[in-house]
């Protein structure tokens, strides 16, 4: 497996790709927050199957430049995918990045699932995978009968525990995000998403985000291009445990496209 640190504008990204037998497909990983800077073990499992795995760090977080905001998370993925398609991505040493994608898939977990869906609705890509995503922030954690993580308390945790990692967080924007999802609320993009190839995977034992909400979202999509799978996973483990299902779904699409 080969590795490279990439940069495009304010965005810094980790990339992992096969030394040989590259299948030409690129996974753009949209992380949850606060998440972590390095997803090496996750990347390796995709790379072992011939994929290139790229994790762009949201603008204003981790190694990326600027200040953090929810809207800039979406901007990060849209901008980076555009740069990748245009062949304008460079390494941090300003060398060429020698990977030309034949296919691009967005794979997101939790908040990253929201980003994958909301950005994928506006991008010309080959598929979207959302793992335990928040699909509607206007109802998330607002029903006392449904066990979900209250995101309002996450602000203080990130601001004081990750102050130099998520820089200059804005409380007013965060409160608005918790109430409406701002521009990363997947349910607001249902009409645009109906024509996209989407895989939704959610675990029954998820106490952070209800799997029932994802199932309802899938029903709203009402599209033959969408697939919903339910597992026994909790919120965290679904990233790793879903990899075989994600790869199988991608290969199935490829085979259908070639038949």
C-alpha atoms as a PDB file:
ATOM      1  CA  UNK A   1       0.000   0.000   0.000  1.00  0.00           C
ATOM      2  CA  UNK A   2       1.227   3.455  -0.930  1.00  0.00           C
ATOM      3  CA  UNK A   3       0.453   6.641   1.016  1.00  0.00           C
ATOM      4  CA  UNK A   4       0.495  10.316   0.188  1.00  0.00           C
ATOM      5  CA  UNK A   5      -0.456  13.505   1.980  1.00  0.00           C
ATOM      6  CA  UNK A   6      -2.387  15.696  -0.459  1.00  0.00           C
ATOM      7  CA  UNK A   7      -3.314  19.352  -0.615  1.00  0.00           C
ATOM      8  CA  UNK A   8      -5.890  21.265  -2.656  1.00  0.00           C
ATOM      9  CA  UNK A   9      -6.352  24.880  -1.614  1.00  0.00           C
ATOM     10  CA  UNK A  10      -7.099  24.878   2.113  1.00  0.00           C
ATOM     11  CA  UNK A  11      -7.806  21.138   2.113  1.00  0.00           C
ATOM     12  CA  UNK A  12      -5.282  18.561   3.291  1.00  0.00           C
ATOM     13  CA  UNK A  13      -6.123  14.898   2.725  1.00  0.00           C
ATOM     14  CA  UNK A  14      -4.657  11.499   3.499  1.00  0.00           C
ATOM     15  CA  UNK A  15      -4.532   9.133   0.533  1.00  0.00           C
ATOM     16  CA  UNK A  16      -3.885   5.405   0.450  1.00  0.00           C
ATOM     17  CA  UNK A  17      -3.729   3.381  -2.738  1.00  0.00           C
ATOM     18  CA  UNK A  18      -2.543   0.011  -4.024  1.00  0.00           C
ATOM     19  CA  UNK A  19       1.027  -0.482  -5.156  1.00  0.00           C
ATOM     20  CA  UNK A  20      -0.447  -2.586  -7.962  1.00  0.00           C
ATOM     21  CA  UNK A  21      -3.836  -3.921  -9.120  1.00  0.00           C
ATOM     22  CA  UNK A  22      -5.565  -0.576  -8.731  1.00  0.00           C
ATOM     23  CA  UNK A  23      -9.183  -1.000  -9.833  1.00  0.00           C
ATOM     24  CA  UNK A  24      -9.553   2.698 -10.680  1.00  0.00           C
ATOM     25  CA  UNK A  25     -12.268   3.349  -8.096  1.00  0.00           C
ATOM     26  CA  UNK A  26     -11.763   6.055  -5.469  1.00  0.00           C
ATOM     27  CA  UNK A  27     -13.412   6.117  -2.055  1.00  0.00           C
ATOM     28  CA  UNK A  28     -13.781   9.652  -0.696  1.00  0.00           C
ATOM     29  CA  UNK A  29     -14.271   9.159   3.040  1.00  0.00           C
ATOM     30  CA  UNK A  30     -16.442  11.710   4.846  1.00  0.00           C
ATOM     31  CA  UNK A  31     -15.645  11.380   8.543  1.00  0.00           C
ATOM     32  CA  UNK A  32     -17.895  11.888  11.521  1.00  0.00           C
ATOM     33  CA  UNK A  33     -17.062  14.601  14.026  1.00  0.00           C
ATOM     34  CA  UNK A  34     -14.996  14.884  16.055  1.00  0.00           C
ATOM     35  CA  UNK A  35     -13.704  11.621  14.566  1.00  0.00           C
ATOM     36  CA  UNK A  36      -9.952  11.234  14.253  1.00  0.00           C
ATOM     37  CA  UNK A  37      -7.185  12.379  11.947  1.00  0.00           C
ATOM     38  CA  UNK A  38      -6.064   8.977  10.722  1.00  0.00           C
ATOM     39  CA  UNK A  39      -8.172   6.092   9.358  1.00  0.00           C
ATOM     40  CA  UNK A  40      -5.285   3.857   8.334  1.00  0.00           C
ATOM     41  CA  UNK A  41      -6.849   0.525   9.337  1.00  0.00           C
ATOM     42  CA  UNK A  42     -10.107   1.350   7.572  1.00  0.00           C
ATOM     43  CA  UNK A  43      -8.235   2.525   4.497  1.00  0.00           C
ATOM     44  CA  UNK A  44      -6.109  -0.613   4.332  1.00  0.00           C
ATOM     45  CA  UNK A  45      -9.141  -2.857   4.020  1.00  0.00           C
ATOM     46  CA  UNK A  46     -10.414  -0.932   1.011  1.00  0.00           C
ATOM     47  CA  UNK A  47      -6.941  -0.695  -0.533  1.00  0.00           C
ATOM     48  CA  UNK A  48      -6.531  -4.477  -0.195  1.00  0.00           C
ATOM     49  CA  UNK A  49      -9.520  -4.753  -2.552  1.00  0.00           C
ATOM     50  CA  UNK A  50      -7.909  -2.444  -5.112  1.00  0.00           C
ATOM     51  CA  UNK A  51      -9.542   0.858  -4.108  1.00  0.00           C
ATOM     52  CA  UNK A  52      -7.897   4.226  -3.584  1.00  0.00           C
ATOM     53  CA  UNK A  53      -9.016   5.647  -0.219  1.00  0.00           C
ATOM     54  CA  UNK A  54      -8.874   9.398   0.341  1.00  0.00           C
ATOM     55  CA  UNK A  55      -9.834  11.185   3.544  1.00  0.00           C
ATOM     56  CA  UNK A  56     -10.109  14.967   3.033  1.00  0.00           C
ATOM     57  CA  UNK A  57      -9.957  16.826   6.346  1.00  0.00           C
ATOM     58  CA  UNK A  58     -12.771  19.351   6.599  1.00  0.00           C
ATOM     59  CA  UNK A  59     -11.653  22.971   6.171  1.00  0.00           C
ATOM     60  CA  UNK A  60     -10.706  24.337   9.579  1.00  0.00           C
ATOM     61  CA  UNK A  61     -10.048  20.898  11.092  1.00  0.00           C
ATOM     62  CA  UNK A  62      -6.995  18.735  11.684  1.00  0.00           C
ATOM     63  CA  UNK A  63      -4.264  19.545   9.116  1.00  0.00           C
ATOM     64  CA  UNK A  64      -6.513  21.519   6.771  1.00  0.00           C
ATOM     65  CA  UNK A  65      -6.280  25.294   6.807  1.00  0.00           C
ATOM     66  CA  UNK A  66      -8.789  27.956   7.849  1.00  0.00           C
ATOM     67  CA  UNK A  67     -11.535  27.987  10.463  1.00  0.00           C
ATOM     68  CA  UNK A  68     -14.166  25.314  10.942  1.00  0.00           C
ATOM     69  CA  UNK A  69     -17.855  25.560  10.167  1.00  0.00           C
ATOM     70  CA  UNK A  70     -20.574  23.058   9.283  1.00  0.00           C
ATOM     71  CA  UNK A  71     -21.097  24.590   5.853  1.00  0.00           C
ATOM     72  CA  UNK A  72     -17.377  24.314   5.110  1.00  0.00           C
ATOM     73  CA  UNK A  73     -17.567  20.546   5.603  1.00  0.00           C
ATOM     74  CA  UNK A  74     -19.815  20.328   2.565  1.00  0.00           C
ATOM     75  CA  UNK A  75     -17.630  22.825   0.713  1.00  0.00           C
ATOM     76  CA  UNK A  76     -14.594  20.631   1.460  1.00  0.00           C
ATOM     77  CA  UNK A  77     -15.968  17.549  -0.274  1.00  0.00           C
ATOM     78  CA  UNK A  78     -17.450  19.389  -3.261  1.00  0.00           C
ATOM     79  CA  UNK A  79     -14.223  21.309  -3.821  1.00  0.00           C
ATOM     80  CA  UNK A  80     -11.943  18.301  -3.391  1.00  0.00           C
ATOM     81  CA  UNK A  81     -13.965  16.072  -5.751  1.00  0.00           C
ATOM     82  CA  UNK A  82     -13.894  18.872  -8.333  1.00  0.00           C
ATOM     83  CA  UNK A  83     -10.129  19.156  -7.998  1.00  0.00           C
ATOM     84  CA  UNK A  84      -9.698  15.393  -8.259  1.00  0.00           C
ATOM     85  CA  UNK A  85     -11.757  15.211 -11.441  1.00  0.00           C
ATOM     86  CA  UNK A  86      -9.827  18.112 -12.943  1.00  0.00           C
ATOM     87  CA  UNK A  87      -6.466  16.509 -12.125  1.00  0.00           C
ATOM     88  CA  UNK A  88      -5.468  19.465  -9.954  1.00  0.00           C
ATOM     89  CA  UNK A  89      -4.729  17.627  -6.693  1.00  0.00           C
ATOM     90  CA  UNK A  90      -1.074  17.817  -5.619  1.00  0.00           C
ATOM     91  CA  UNK A  91       0.914  16.327  -2.785  1.00  0.00           C
ATOM     92  CA  UNK A  92       1.873  18.632   0.083  1.00  0.00           C
ATOM     93  CA  UNK A  93       5.281  18.847  -1.612  1.00  0.00           C
ATOM     94  CA  UNK A  94       3.562  20.180  -4.765  1.00  0.00           C
ATOM     95  CA  UNK A  95       4.236  16.991  -6.700  1.00  0.00           C
ATOM     96  CA  UNK A  96       1.665  15.442  -9.018  1.00  0.00           C
ATOM     97  CA  UNK A  97      -0.783  12.934  -7.556  1.00  0.00           C
ATOM     98  CA  UNK A  98      -0.640  10.015  -9.973  1.00  0.00           C
ATOM     99  CA  UNK A  99      -4.122   8.576  -9.447  1.00  0.00           C
ATOM    100  CA  UNK A 100      -6.746   9.129 -12.152  1.00  0.00           C
ATOM    101  CA  UNK A 101     -10.173   8.008 -10.915  1.00  0.00           C
ATOM    102  CA  UNK A 102     -12.433   5.997 -13.178  1.00  0.00           C
ATOM    103  CA  UNK A 103     -15.147   5.914 -10.515  1.00  0.00           C
ATOM    104  CA  UNK A 104     -15.769   8.056  -7.426  1.00  0.00           C
ATOM    105  CA  UNK A 105     -17.791   6.937  -4.413  1.00  0.00           C
ATOM    106  CA  UNK A 106     -18.564   8.976  -1.315  1.00  0.00           C
ATOM    107  CA  UNK A 107     -18.546   6.915   1.884  1.00  0.00           C
ATOM    108  CA  UNK A 108     -19.598   8.683   5.076  1.00  0.00           C
ATOM    109  CA  UNK A 109     -20.211   7.670   8.669  1.00  0.00           C
ATOM    110  CA  UNK A 110     -22.562   9.418  11.132  1.00  0.00           C
ATOM    111  CA  UNK A 111     -22.238  13.181  10.492  1.00  0.00           C
ATOM    112  CA  UNK A 112     -20.061  12.161   7.549  1.00  0.00           C
ATOM    113  CA  UNK A 113     -23.028  10.221   6.209  1.00  0.00           C
ATOM    114  CA  UNK A 114     -24.987  13.480   6.203  1.00  0.00           C
ATOM    115  CA  UNK A 115     -22.132  15.120   4.312  1.00  0.00           C
ATOM    116  CA  UNK A 116     -21.927  12.273   1.784  1.00  0.00           C
ATOM    117  CA  UNK A 117     -25.663  12.479   1.083  1.00  0.00           C
ATOM    118  CA  UNK A 118     -25.958  16.278   0.957  1.00  0.00           C
ATOM    119  CA  UNK A 119     -22.865  16.724  -1.227  1.00  0.00           C
ATOM    120  CA  UNK A 120     -23.599  13.667  -3.331  1.00  0.00           C
ATOM    121  CA  UNK A 121     -26.946  15.210  -4.197  1.00  0.00           C
ATOM    122  CA  UNK A 122     -25.043  17.981  -6.000  1.00  0.00           C
ATOM    123  CA  UNK A 123     -22.130  16.044  -7.488  1.00  0.00           C
ATOM    124  CA  UNK A 124     -21.787  13.843 -10.562  1.00  0.00           C
ATOM    125  CA  UNK A 125     -20.377  10.750  -8.860  1.00  0.00           C
ATOM    126  CA  UNK A 126     -20.910   7.012  -9.129  1.00  0.00           C
ATOM    127  CA  UNK A 127     -22.443   6.227  -5.751  1.00  0.00           C
ATOM    128  CA  UNK A 128     -23.067   7.292  -2.167  1.00  0.00           C
ATOM    129  CA  UNK A 129     -22.681   5.121   0.924  1.00  0.00           C
ATOM    130  CA  UNK A 130     -24.073   6.431   4.211  1.00  0.00           C
ATOM    131  CA  UNK A 131     -23.292   4.442   7.358  1.00  0.00           C
ATOM    132  CA  UNK A 132     -25.465   5.247  10.393  1.00  0.00           C
ATOM    133  CA  UNK A 133     -26.164   8.746   9.033  1.00  0.00           C
ATOM    134  CA  UNK A 134     -28.153  11.511  10.632  1.00  0.00           C
ATOM    135  CA  UNK A 135     -30.768  12.055   7.928  1.00  0.00           C
ATOM    136  CA  UNK A 136     -32.903  14.778   9.522  1.00  0.00           C
ATOM    137  CA  UNK A 137     -31.461  17.134  12.121  1.00  0.00           C
ATOM    138  CA  UNK A 138     -34.827  18.820  12.636  1.00  0.00           C
ATOM    139  CA  UNK A 139     -36.078  15.703  14.445  1.00  0.00           C
ATOM    140  CA  UNK A 140     -32.836  14.113  15.650  1.00  0.00           C
ATOM    141  CA  UNK A 141     -32.744  13.597  19.448  1.00  0.00           C
ATOM    142  CA  UNK A 142     -35.987  15.528  19.877  1.00  0.00           C
ATOM    143  CA  UNK A 143     -38.301  12.571  20.597  1.00  0.00           C
ATOM    144  CA  UNK A 144     -37.966  11.445  24.252  1.00  0.00           C
ATOM    145  CA  UNK A 145     -39.115   7.965  23.250  1.00  0.00           C
ATOM    146  CA  UNK A 146     -36.202   7.464  20.827  1.00  0.00           C
ATOM    147  CA  UNK A 147     -32.702   7.063  22.199  1.00  0.00           C
ATOM    148  CA  UNK A 148     -30.301   9.314  20.272  1.00  0.00           C
ATOM    149  CA  UNK A 149     -27.270  11.449  21.070  1.00  0.00           C
ATOM    150  CA  UNK A 150     -28.077  15.076  21.785  1.00  0.00           C
ATOM    151  CA  UNK A 151     -25.722  17.056  19.565  1.00  0.00           C
ATOM    152  CA  UNK A 152     -26.026  20.339  21.465  1.00  0.00           C
ATOM    153  CA  UNK A 153     -23.625  19.078  24.135  1.00  0.00           C
ATOM    154  CA  UNK A 154     -21.108  18.072  21.496  1.00  0.00           C
ATOM    155  CA  UNK A 155     -20.256  21.720  20.871  1.00  0.00           C
ATOM    156  CA  UNK A 156     -18.546  22.226  24.239  1.00  0.00           C
ATOM    157  CA  UNK A 157     -16.781  18.871  23.959  1.00  0.00           C
ATOM    158  CA  UNK A 158     -15.313  19.821  20.577  1.00  0.00           C
ATOM    159  CA  UNK A 159     -14.619  23.450  21.434  1.00  0.00           C
ATOM    160  CA  UNK A 160     -12.711  22.718  24.630  1.00  0.00           C
ATOM    161  CA  UNK A 161     -11.449  19.208  23.910  1.00  0.00           C
ATOM    162  CA  UNK A 162     -10.482  19.813  20.267  1.00  0.00           C
ATOM    163  CA  UNK A 163      -9.910  23.580  20.264  1.00  0.00           C
ATOM    164  CA  UNK A 164      -6.881  23.434  17.971  1.00  0.00           C
ATOM    165  CA  UNK A 165      -8.402  20.679  15.865  1.00  0.00           C
ATOM    166  CA  UNK A 166     -11.770  22.304  15.102  1.00  0.00           C
ATOM    167  CA  UNK A 167     -10.815  25.951  15.011  1.00  0.00           C
ATOM    168  CA  UNK A 168     -13.061  28.961  15.757  1.00  0.00           C
ATOM    169  CA  UNK A 169     -16.327  27.039  16.088  1.00  0.00           C
ATOM    170  CA  UNK A 170     -19.383  29.288  16.100  1.00  0.00           C
ATOM    171  CA  UNK A 171     -22.045  28.591  18.748  1.00  0.00           C
ATOM    172  CA  UNK A 172     -24.822  30.330  16.819  1.00  0.00           C
ATOM    173  CA  UNK A 173     -24.124  28.244  13.710  1.00  0.00           C
ATOM    174  CA  UNK A 174     -23.933  25.066  15.799  1.00  0.00           C
ATOM    175  CA  UNK A 175     -27.308  25.723  17.434  1.00  0.00           C
ATOM    176  CA  UNK A 176     -28.838  26.362  14.015  1.00  0.00           C
ATOM    177  CA  UNK A 177     -27.242  23.145  12.755  1.00  0.00           C
ATOM    178  CA  UNK A 178     -28.759  21.141  15.632  1.00  0.00           C
ATOM    179  CA  UNK A 179     -32.205  22.561  14.867  1.00  0.00           C
ATOM    180  CA  UNK A 180     -32.242  22.505  11.059  1.00  0.00           C
ATOM    181  CA  UNK A 181     -29.144  20.779   9.698  1.00  0.00           C
ATOM    182  CA  UNK A 182     -28.419  24.014   7.794  1.00  0.00           C
ATOM    183  CA  UNK A 183     -27.315  22.894   4.299  1.00  0.00           C
ATOM    184  CA  UNK A 184     -26.190  19.371   5.240  1.00  0.00           C
ATOM    185  CA  UNK A 185     -29.634  17.968   6.107  1.00  0.00           C
ATOM    186  CA  UNK A 186     -30.130  14.930   3.834  1.00  0.00           C
ATOM    187  CA  UNK A 187     -33.932  14.934   3.977  1.00  0.00           C
ATOM    188  CA  UNK A 188     -33.871  18.352   2.265  1.00  0.00           C
ATOM    189  CA  UNK A 189     -32.210  16.727  -0.769  1.00  0.00           C
ATOM    190  CA  UNK A 190     -34.574  13.805  -1.299  1.00  0.00           C
ATOM    191  CA  UNK A 191     -35.683  14.926  -4.754  1.00  0.00           C
ATOM    192  CA  UNK A 192     -32.094  15.234  -5.988  1.00  0.00           C
ATOM    193  CA  UNK A 193     -31.064  11.962  -4.376  1.00  0.00           C
ATOM    194  CA  UNK A 194     -33.725   9.802  -6.012  1.00  0.00           C
ATOM    195  CA  UNK A 195     -31.639   9.473  -9.167  1.00  0.00           C
ATOM    196  CA  UNK A 196     -28.438   8.647  -7.288  1.00  0.00           C
ATOM    197  CA  UNK A 197     -27.127   5.188  -6.472  1.00  0.00           C
ATOM    198  CA  UNK A 198     -27.246   5.048  -2.681  1.00  0.00           C
ATOM    199  CA  UNK A 199     -26.427   2.410  -0.074  1.00  0.00           C
ATOM    200  CA  UNK A 200     -27.734   3.053   3.441  1.00  0.00           C
ATOM    201  CA  UNK A 201     -26.502   0.806   6.262  1.00  0.00           C
ATOM    202  CA  UNK A 202     -27.581   1.182   9.870  1.00  0.00           C
ATOM    203  CA  UNK A 203     -27.298  -0.970  12.984  1.00  0.00           C
ATOM    204  CA  UNK A 204     -30.180  -1.946  15.248  1.00  0.00           C
ATOM    205  CA  UNK A 205     -27.973  -1.449  18.317  1.00  0.00           C
ATOM    206  CA  UNK A 206     -27.123   2.149  17.490  1.00  0.00           C
ATOM    207  CA  UNK A 207     -27.937   4.346  20.510  1.00  0.00           C
ATOM    208  CA  UNK A 208     -26.518   7.517  18.932  1.00  0.00           C
ATOM    209  CA  UNK A 209     -28.614   7.701  15.772  1.00  0.00           C
ATOM    210  CA  UNK A 210     -31.847   5.760  15.340  1.00  0.00           C
ATOM    211  CA  UNK A 211     -31.837   3.209  12.525  1.00  0.00           C
ATOM    212  CA  UNK A 212     -35.595   3.758  12.165  1.00  0.00           C
ATOM    213  CA  UNK A 213     -34.972   7.277  10.892  1.00  0.00           C
ATOM    214  CA  UNK A 214     -32.678   5.935   8.176  1.00  0.00           C
ATOM    215  CA  UNK A 215     -35.267   3.357   7.192  1.00  0.00           C
ATOM    216  CA  UNK A 216     -37.895   6.112   6.927  1.00  0.00           C
ATOM    217  CA  UNK A 217     -35.491   8.151   4.803  1.00  0.00           C
ATOM    218  CA  UNK A 218     -35.015   5.176   2.485  1.00  0.00           C
ATOM    219  CA  UNK A 219     -38.788   4.892   2.128  1.00  0.00           C
ATOM    220  CA  UNK A 220     -38.989   8.604   1.262  1.00  0.00           C
ATOM    221  CA  UNK A 221     -36.418   8.102  -1.473  1.00  0.00           C
ATOM    222  CA  UNK A 222     -38.693   5.447  -2.990  1.00  0.00           C
ATOM    223  CA  UNK A 223     -36.096   4.651  -5.621  1.00  0.00           C
ATOM    224  CA  UNK A 224     -34.894   1.428  -7.224  1.00  0.00           C
ATOM    225  CA  UNK A 225     -31.409   2.907  -7.142  1.00  0.00           C
ATOM    226  CA  UNK A 226     -31.358   2.974  -3.334  1.00  0.00           C
ATOM    227  CA  UNK A 227     -30.603   0.045  -1.025  1.00  0.00           C
ATOM    228  CA  UNK A 228     -31.154  -0.173   2.732  1.00  0.00           C
ATOM    229  CA  UNK A 229     -29.419  -2.761   4.904  1.00  0.00           C
ATOM    230  CA  UNK A 230     -29.925  -3.239   8.630  1.00  0.00           C
ATOM    231  CA  UNK A 231     -27.283  -4.887  10.802  1.00  0.00           C
ATOM    232  CA  UNK A 232     -26.754  -5.732  14.475  1.00  0.00           C
ATOM    233  CA  UNK A 233     -23.959  -3.149  14.820  1.00  0.00           C
ATOM    234  CA  UNK A 234     -23.633  -0.255  17.234  1.00  0.00           C
ATOM    235  CA  UNK A 235     -22.796   3.238  16.028  1.00  0.00           C
ATOM    236  CA  UNK A 236     -19.027   2.909  16.019  1.00  0.00           C
ATOM    237  CA  UNK A 237     -18.383  -0.600  14.727  1.00  0.00           C
ATOM    238  CA  UNK A 238     -20.467  -0.191  11.594  1.00  0.00           C
ATOM    239  CA  UNK A 239     -17.592   1.564   9.777  1.00  0.00           C
ATOM    240  CA  UNK A 240     -15.458  -1.562   9.781  1.00  0.00           C
ATOM    241  CA  UNK A 241     -18.159  -4.227   9.811  1.00  0.00           C
ATOM    242  CA  UNK A 242     -19.934  -2.826   6.758  1.00  0.00           C
ATOM    243  CA  UNK A 243     -16.902  -2.945   4.455  1.00  0.00           C
ATOM    244  CA  UNK A 244     -17.797  -6.314   2.813  1.00  0.00           C
ATOM    245  CA  UNK A 245     -21.346  -5.090   2.128  1.00  0.00           C
ATOM    246  CA  UNK A 246     -20.056  -1.809   0.663  1.00  0.00           C
ATOM    247  CA  UNK A 247     -17.597  -3.554  -1.647  1.00  0.00           C
ATOM    248  CA  UNK A 248     -20.199  -6.128  -2.703  1.00  0.00           C
ATOM    249  CA  UNK A 249     -22.647  -3.325  -3.539  1.00  0.00           C
ATOM    250  CA  UNK A 250     -20.053  -1.520  -5.663  1.00  0.00           C
ATOM    251  CA  UNK A 251     -19.150  -4.674  -7.597  1.00  0.00           C
ATOM    252  CA  UNK A 252     -22.809  -5.481  -8.148  1.00  0.00           C
ATOM    253  CA  UNK A 253     -23.341  -2.042  -9.671  1.00  0.00           C
ATOM    254  CA  UNK A 254     -20.292  -2.518 -11.874  1.00  0.00           C
ATOM    255  CA  UNK A 255     -21.544  -5.882 -13.096  1.00  0.00           C
ATOM    256  CA  UNK A 256     -25.004  -4.500 -13.813  1.00  0.00           C
ATOM    257  CA  UNK A 257     -23.443  -1.629 -15.734  1.00  0.00           C
ATOM    258  CA  UNK A 258     -21.381  -4.000 -17.859  1.00  0.00           C
ATOM    259  CA  UNK A 259     -24.187  -6.477 -18.564  1.00  0.00           C
END
